[in-house]
Amino acid sequence: KENNVKFVEIDITRKNDKVMKFIHEHSRVGIPFTIIYGPKNKSGMLLSEIPEVSEIIKAIDLVK
């Protein structure tokens, strides 16, 4: 809450071409897929496939 962070989770158990296109545009082939946006990085910072909590915190600090 203190960083005004919003999380979006997308369920792709049903085929969703828009979501898969978005994932492929970021050179990934599926999930898990984590990208963080902020004022300092409006194009998004792509994280590792299974990010550690420390990686998420660092990314939030870098984009805010």
PDB file of N, CA and C in Angstrom:
ATOM      1  N   LYS A   1       0.814  -1.197   0.000  1.00  0.00           N
ATOM      2  CA  LYS A   1       0.000   0.000   0.000  1.00  0.00           C
ATOM      3  C   LYS A   1       0.855   1.258   0.000  1.00  0.00           C
ATOM      4  N   GLU A   2       1.972   1.239   0.727  1.00  0.00           N
ATOM      5  CA  GLU A   2       2.781   2.463   0.845  1.00  0.00           C
ATOM      6  C   GLU A   2       3.405   2.892  -0.478  1.00  0.00           C
ATOM      7  N   ASN A   3       3.554   1.969  -1.426  1.00  0.00           N
ATOM      8  CA  ASN A   3       4.112   2.301  -2.740  1.00  0.00           C
ATOM      9  C   ASN A   3       3.043   2.453  -3.820  1.00  0.00           C
ATOM     10  N   ASN A   4       1.776   2.380  -3.419  1.00  0.00           N
ATOM     11  CA  ASN A   4       0.664   2.483  -4.357  1.00  0.00           C
ATOM     12  C   ASN A   4       0.813   1.465  -5.493  1.00  0.00           C
ATOM     13  N   VAL A   5       1.109   0.233  -5.129  1.00  0.00           N
ATOM     14  CA  VAL A   5       1.317  -0.850  -6.086  1.00  0.00           C
ATOM     15  C   VAL A   5      -0.004  -1.566  -6.330  1.00  0.00           C
ATOM     16  N   LYS A   6      -0.274  -1.859  -7.590  1.00  0.00           N
ATOM     17  CA  LYS A   6      -1.467  -2.615  -7.956  1.00  0.00           C
ATOM     18  C   LYS A   6      -1.025  -3.883  -8.683  1.00  0.00           C
ATOM     19  N   PHE A   7      -1.560  -5.001  -8.272  1.00  0.00           N
ATOM     20  CA  PHE A   7      -1.223  -6.275  -8.888  1.00  0.00           C
ATOM     21  C   PHE A   7      -2.366  -6.711  -9.799  1.00  0.00           C
ATOM     22  N   VAL A   8      -2.009  -7.228 -10.951  1.00  0.00           N
ATOM     23  CA  VAL A   8      -2.998  -7.744 -11.881  1.00  0.00           C
ATOM     24  C   VAL A   8      -2.647  -9.201 -12.148  1.00  0.00           C
ATOM     25  N   GLU A   9      -3.604 -10.055 -11.945  1.00  0.00           N
ATOM     26  CA  GLU A   9      -3.399 -11.474 -12.204  1.00  0.00           C
ATOM     27  C   GLU A   9      -4.348 -11.879 -13.318  1.00  0.00           C
ATOM     28  N   ILE A  10      -3.825 -12.563 -14.307  1.00  0.00           N
ATOM     29  CA  ILE A  10      -4.628 -12.969 -15.449  1.00  0.00           C
ATOM     30  C   ILE A  10      -4.677 -14.487 -15.519  1.00  0.00           C
ATOM     31  N   ASP A  11      -5.873 -15.004 -15.621  1.00  0.00           N
ATOM     32  CA  ASP A  11      -6.090 -16.440 -15.726  1.00  0.00           C
ATOM     33  C   ASP A  11      -6.121 -16.815 -17.207  1.00  0.00           C
ATOM     34  N   ILE A  12      -5.204 -17.667 -17.628  1.00  0.00           N
ATOM     35  CA  ILE A  12      -5.196 -18.063 -19.039  1.00  0.00           C
ATOM     36  C   ILE A  12      -5.543 -19.543 -19.203  1.00  0.00           C
ATOM     37  N   THR A  13      -6.396 -20.024 -18.310  1.00  0.00           N
ATOM     38  CA  THR A  13      -6.830 -21.412 -18.463  1.00  0.00           C
ATOM     39  C   THR A  13      -7.699 -21.569 -19.705  1.00  0.00           C
ATOM     40  N   ARG A  14      -8.298 -20.474 -20.149  1.00  0.00           N
ATOM     41  CA  ARG A  14      -9.010 -20.457 -21.430  1.00  0.00           C
ATOM     42  C   ARG A  14      -8.180 -19.648 -22.405  1.00  0.00           C
ATOM     43  N   LYS A  15      -8.178 -20.061 -23.639  1.00  0.00           N
ATOM     44  CA  LYS A  15      -7.365 -19.403 -24.666  1.00  0.00           C
ATOM     45  C   LYS A  15      -7.695 -17.908 -24.728  1.00  0.00           C
ATOM     46  N   ASN A  16      -6.631 -17.089 -24.704  1.00  0.00           N
ATOM     47  CA  ASN A  16      -6.801 -15.643 -24.793  1.00  0.00           C
ATOM     48  C   ASN A  16      -5.692 -15.111 -25.694  1.00  0.00           C
ATOM     49  N   ASP A  17      -6.027 -14.835 -26.935  1.00  0.00           N
ATOM     50  CA  ASP A  17      -5.029 -14.410 -27.917  1.00  0.00           C
ATOM     51  C   ASP A  17      -4.356 -13.092 -27.550  1.00  0.00           C
ATOM     52  N   LYS A  18      -5.094 -12.155 -26.948  1.00  0.00           N
ATOM     53  CA  LYS A  18      -4.506 -10.857 -26.579  1.00  0.00           C
ATOM     54  C   LYS A  18      -3.436 -11.025 -25.510  1.00  0.00           C
ATOM     55  N   VAL A  19      -3.725 -11.858 -24.531  1.00  0.00           N
ATOM     56  CA  VAL A  19      -2.753 -12.086 -23.458  1.00  0.00           C
ATOM     57  C   VAL A  19      -1.520 -12.800 -24.007  1.00  0.00           C
ATOM     58  N   MET A  20      -1.721 -13.819 -24.826  1.00  0.00           N
ATOM     59  CA  MET A  20      -0.577 -14.548 -25.375  1.00  0.00           C
ATOM     60  C   MET A  20       0.261 -13.661 -26.292  1.00  0.00           C
ATOM     61  N   LYS A  21      -0.364 -12.783 -27.048  1.00  0.00           N
ATOM     62  CA  LYS A  21       0.375 -11.844 -27.893  1.00  0.00           C
ATOM     63  C   LYS A  21       1.239 -10.938 -27.022  1.00  0.00           C
ATOM     64  N   PHE A  22       0.673 -10.427 -25.937  1.00  0.00           N
ATOM     65  CA  PHE A  22       1.411  -9.565 -25.014  1.00  0.00           C
ATOM     66  C   PHE A  22       2.623 -10.294 -24.439  1.00  0.00           C
ATOM     67  N   ILE A  23       2.418 -11.532 -24.028  1.00  0.00           N
ATOM     68  CA  ILE A  23       3.518 -12.335 -23.469  1.00  0.00           C
ATOM     69  C   ILE A  23       4.594 -12.566 -24.528  1.00  0.00           C
ATOM     70  N   HIS A  24       4.214 -12.923 -25.739  1.00  0.00           N
ATOM     71  CA  HIS A  24       5.173 -13.178 -26.821  1.00  0.00           C
ATOM     72  C   HIS A  24       5.927 -11.907 -27.216  1.00  0.00           C
ATOM     73  N   GLU A  25       5.264 -10.751 -27.145  1.00  0.00           N
ATOM     74  CA  GLU A  25       5.933  -9.483 -27.456  1.00  0.00           C
ATOM     75  C   GLU A  25       7.075  -9.185 -26.484  1.00  0.00           C
ATOM     76  N   HIS A  26       7.047  -9.846 -25.336  1.00  0.00           N
ATOM     77  CA  HIS A  26       8.102  -9.674 -24.338  1.00  0.00           C
ATOM     78  C   HIS A  26       9.046 -10.879 -24.311  1.00  0.00           C
ATOM     79  N   SER A  27       9.088 -11.603 -25.423  1.00  0.00           N
ATOM     80  CA  SER A  27      10.006 -12.740 -25.616  1.00  0.00           C
ATOM     81  C   SER A  27       9.816 -13.863 -24.606  1.00  0.00           C
ATOM     82  N   ARG A  28       8.603 -14.069 -24.200  1.00  0.00           N
ATOM     83  CA  ARG A  28       8.277 -15.195 -23.328  1.00  0.00           C
ATOM     84  C   ARG A  28       7.277 -16.076 -24.054  1.00  0.00           C
ATOM     85  N   VAL A  29       7.167 -17.310 -23.617  1.00  0.00           N
ATOM     86  CA  VAL A  29       6.270 -18.242 -24.299  1.00  0.00           C
ATOM     87  C   VAL A  29       5.068 -18.630 -23.446  1.00  0.00           C
ATOM     88  N   GLY A  30       5.049 -18.246 -22.213  1.00  0.00           N
ATOM     89  CA  GLY A  30       3.929 -18.613 -21.357  1.00  0.00           C
ATOM     90  C   GLY A  30       4.076 -18.032 -19.975  1.00  0.00           C
ATOM     91  N   ILE A  31       3.429 -18.685 -19.037  1.00  0.00           N
ATOM     92  CA  ILE A  31       3.446 -18.202 -17.672  1.00  0.00           C
ATOM     93  C   ILE A  31       4.335 -19.099 -16.829  1.00  0.00           C
ATOM     94  N   PRO A  32       4.833 -18.664 -15.706  1.00  0.00           N
ATOM     95  CA  PRO A  32       4.587 -17.371 -15.093  1.00  0.00           C
ATOM     96  C   PRO A  32       5.260 -16.232 -15.860  1.00  0.00           C
ATOM     97  N   PHE A  33       4.657 -15.069 -15.769  1.00  0.00           N
ATOM     98  CA  PHE A  33       5.131 -13.878 -16.476  1.00  0.00           C
ATOM     99  C   PHE A  33       4.920 -12.702 -15.541  1.00  0.00           C
ATOM    100  N   THR A  34       5.998 -12.017 -15.188  1.00  0.00           N
ATOM    101  CA  THR A  34       5.898 -10.884 -14.270  1.00  0.00           C
ATOM    102  C   THR A  34       6.568  -9.676 -14.885  1.00  0.00           C
ATOM    103  N   ILE A  35       5.819  -8.587 -14.976  1.00  0.00           N
ATOM    104  CA  ILE A  35       6.345  -7.326 -15.486  1.00  0.00           C
ATOM    105  C   ILE A  35       5.859  -6.222 -14.559  1.00  0.00           C
ATOM    106  N   ILE A  36       6.742  -5.287 -14.254  1.00  0.00           N
ATOM    107  CA  ILE A  36       6.414  -4.210 -13.329  1.00  0.00           C
ATOM    108  C   ILE A  36       6.576  -2.873 -14.043  1.00  0.00           C
ATOM    109  N   TYR A  37       5.546  -2.040 -13.923  1.00  0.00           N
ATOM    110  CA  TYR A  37       5.549  -0.702 -14.520  1.00  0.00           C
ATOM    111  C   TYR A  37       5.596   0.348 -13.422  1.00  0.00           C
ATOM    112  N   GLY A  38       6.117   1.508 -13.767  1.00  0.00           N
ATOM    113  CA  GLY A  38       6.118   2.624 -12.837  1.00  0.00           C
ATOM    114  C   GLY A  38       6.485   3.895 -13.567  1.00  0.00           C
ATOM    115  N   PRO A  39       6.438   5.028 -12.872  1.00  0.00           N
ATOM    116  CA  PRO A  39       6.744   6.312 -13.502  1.00  0.00           C
ATOM    117  C   PRO A  39       8.123   6.365 -14.158  1.00  0.00           C
ATOM    118  N   LYS A  40       9.087   5.656 -13.586  1.00  0.00           N
ATOM    119  CA  LYS A  40      10.444   5.675 -14.153  1.00  0.00           C
ATOM    120  C   LYS A  40      10.661   4.618 -15.230  1.00  0.00           C
ATOM    121  N   ASN A  41       9.683   3.747 -15.432  1.00  0.00           N
ATOM    122  CA  ASN A  41       9.802   2.722 -16.469  1.00  0.00           C
ATOM    123  C   ASN A  41       8.412   2.379 -16.986  1.00  0.00           C
ATOM    124  N   LYS A  42       7.916   3.213 -17.889  1.00  0.00           N
ATOM    125  CA  LYS A  42       6.559   3.038 -18.396  1.00  0.00           C
ATOM    126  C   LYS A  42       6.448   1.903 -19.411  1.00  0.00           C
ATOM    127  N   SER A  43       7.586   1.430 -19.919  1.00  0.00           N
ATOM    128  CA  SER A  43       7.536   0.304 -20.849  1.00  0.00           C
ATOM    129  C   SER A  43       7.593  -1.029 -20.108  1.00  0.00           C
ATOM    130  N   GLY A  44       7.874  -0.994 -18.822  1.00  0.00           N
ATOM    131  CA  GLY A  44       7.843  -2.193 -17.995  1.00  0.00           C
ATOM    132  C   GLY A  44       9.206  -2.833 -17.792  1.00  0.00           C
ATOM    133  N   MET A  45       9.384  -3.395 -16.625  1.00  0.00           N
ATOM    134  CA  MET A  45      10.603  -4.119 -16.276  1.00  0.00           C
ATOM    135  C   MET A  45      10.235  -5.589 -16.126  1.00  0.00           C
ATOM    136  N   LEU A  46      10.755  -6.402 -17.012  1.00  0.00           N
ATOM    137  CA  LEU A  46      10.460  -7.828 -17.018  1.00  0.00           C
ATOM    138  C   LEU A  46      11.302  -8.522 -15.953  1.00  0.00           C
ATOM    139  N   LEU A  47      10.657  -9.311 -15.124  1.00  0.00           N
ATOM    140  CA  LEU A  47      11.358 -10.039 -14.079  1.00  0.00           C
ATOM    141  C   LEU A  47      11.600 -11.479 -14.503  1.00  0.00           C
ATOM    142  N   SER A  48      12.410 -12.182 -13.746  1.00  0.00           N
ATOM    143  CA  SER A  48      12.677 -13.590 -14.054  1.00  0.00           C
ATOM    144  C   SER A  48      11.375 -14.380 -13.977  1.00  0.00           C
ATOM    145  N   GLU A  49      11.385 -15.575 -14.510  1.00  0.00           N
ATOM    146  CA  GLU A  49      10.155 -16.352 -14.591  1.00  0.00           C
ATOM    147  C   GLU A  49       9.538 -16.641 -13.225  1.00  0.00           C
ATOM    148  N   ILE A  50      10.352 -16.903 -12.245  1.00  0.00           N
ATOM    149  CA  ILE A  50       9.852 -17.101 -10.880  1.00  0.00           C
ATOM    150  C   ILE A  50      10.671 -16.177  -9.971  1.00  0.00           C
ATOM    151  N   PRO A  51      10.244 -14.905  -9.876  1.00  0.00           N
ATOM    152  CA  PRO A  51      11.045 -13.926  -9.148  1.00  0.00           C
ATOM    153  C   PRO A  51      11.023 -14.146  -7.638  1.00  0.00           C
ATOM    154  N   GLU A  52      12.168 -13.889  -7.040  1.00  0.00           N
ATOM    155  CA  GLU A  52      12.269 -13.890  -5.581  1.00  0.00           C
ATOM    156  C   GLU A  52      11.624 -12.608  -5.070  1.00  0.00           C
ATOM    157  N   VAL A  53      11.193 -12.618  -3.822  1.00  0.00           N
ATOM    158  CA  VAL A  53      10.588 -11.427  -3.226  1.00  0.00           C
ATOM    159  C   VAL A  53      11.553 -10.243  -3.314  1.00  0.00           C
ATOM    160  N   SER A  54      12.834 -10.495  -3.092  1.00  0.00           N
ATOM    161  CA  SER A  54      13.827  -9.417  -3.143  1.00  0.00           C
ATOM    162  C   SER A  54      13.910  -8.799  -4.541  1.00  0.00           C
ATOM    163  N   GLU A  55      13.740  -9.613  -5.593  1.00  0.00           N
ATOM    164  CA  GLU A  55      13.757  -9.102  -6.962  1.00  0.00           C
ATOM    165  C   GLU A  55      12.547  -8.203  -7.216  1.00  0.00           C
ATOM    166  N   ILE A  56      11.403  -8.590  -6.693  1.00  0.00           N
ATOM    167  CA  ILE A  56      10.189  -7.788  -6.855  1.00  0.00           C
ATOM    168  C   ILE A  56      10.340  -6.456  -6.142  1.00  0.00           C
ATOM    169  N   ILE A  57      10.837  -6.491  -4.907  1.00  0.00           N
ATOM    170  CA  ILE A  57      11.033  -5.258  -4.141  1.00  0.00           C
ATOM    171  C   ILE A  57      12.008  -4.328  -4.841  1.00  0.00           C
ATOM    172  N   LYS A  58      13.108  -4.872  -5.341  1.00  0.00           N
ATOM    173  CA  LYS A  58      14.097  -4.066  -6.046  1.00  0.00           C
ATOM    174  C   LYS A  58      13.493  -3.431  -7.302  1.00  0.00           C
ATOM    175  N   ALA A  59      12.711  -4.203  -8.046  1.00  0.00           N
ATOM    176  CA  ALA A  59      12.079  -3.688  -9.255  1.00  0.00           C
ATOM    177  C   ALA A  59      11.106  -2.554  -8.938  1.00  0.00           C
ATOM    178  N   ILE A  60      10.327  -2.726  -7.883  1.00  0.00           N
ATOM    179  CA  ILE A  60       9.394  -1.668  -7.475  1.00  0.00           C
ATOM    180  C   ILE A  60      10.171  -0.399  -7.144  1.00  0.00           C
ATOM    181  N   ASP A  61      11.256  -0.537  -6.412  1.00  0.00           N
ATOM    182  CA  ASP A  61      12.080   0.632  -6.062  1.00  0.00           C
ATOM    183  C   ASP A  61      12.650   1.310  -7.308  1.00  0.00           C
ATOM    184  N   LEU A  62      13.020   0.532  -8.309  1.00  0.00           N
ATOM    185  CA  LEU A  62      13.607   1.093  -9.523  1.00  0.00           C
ATOM    186  C   LEU A  62      12.609   1.812 -10.423  1.00  0.00           C
ATOM    187  N   VAL A  63      11.368   1.388 -10.405  1.00  0.00           N
ATOM    188  CA  VAL A  63      10.383   1.984 -11.320  1.00  0.00           C
ATOM    189  C   VAL A  63       9.547   3.093 -10.691  1.00  0.00           C
ATOM    190  N   LYS A  64       9.556   3.201  -9.382  1.00  0.00           N
ATOM    191  CA  LYS A  64       8.683   4.208  -8.749  1.00  0.00           C
ATOM    192  C   LYS A  64       9.252   5.611  -8.799  1.00  0.00           C
TER     193      LYS A  64
END
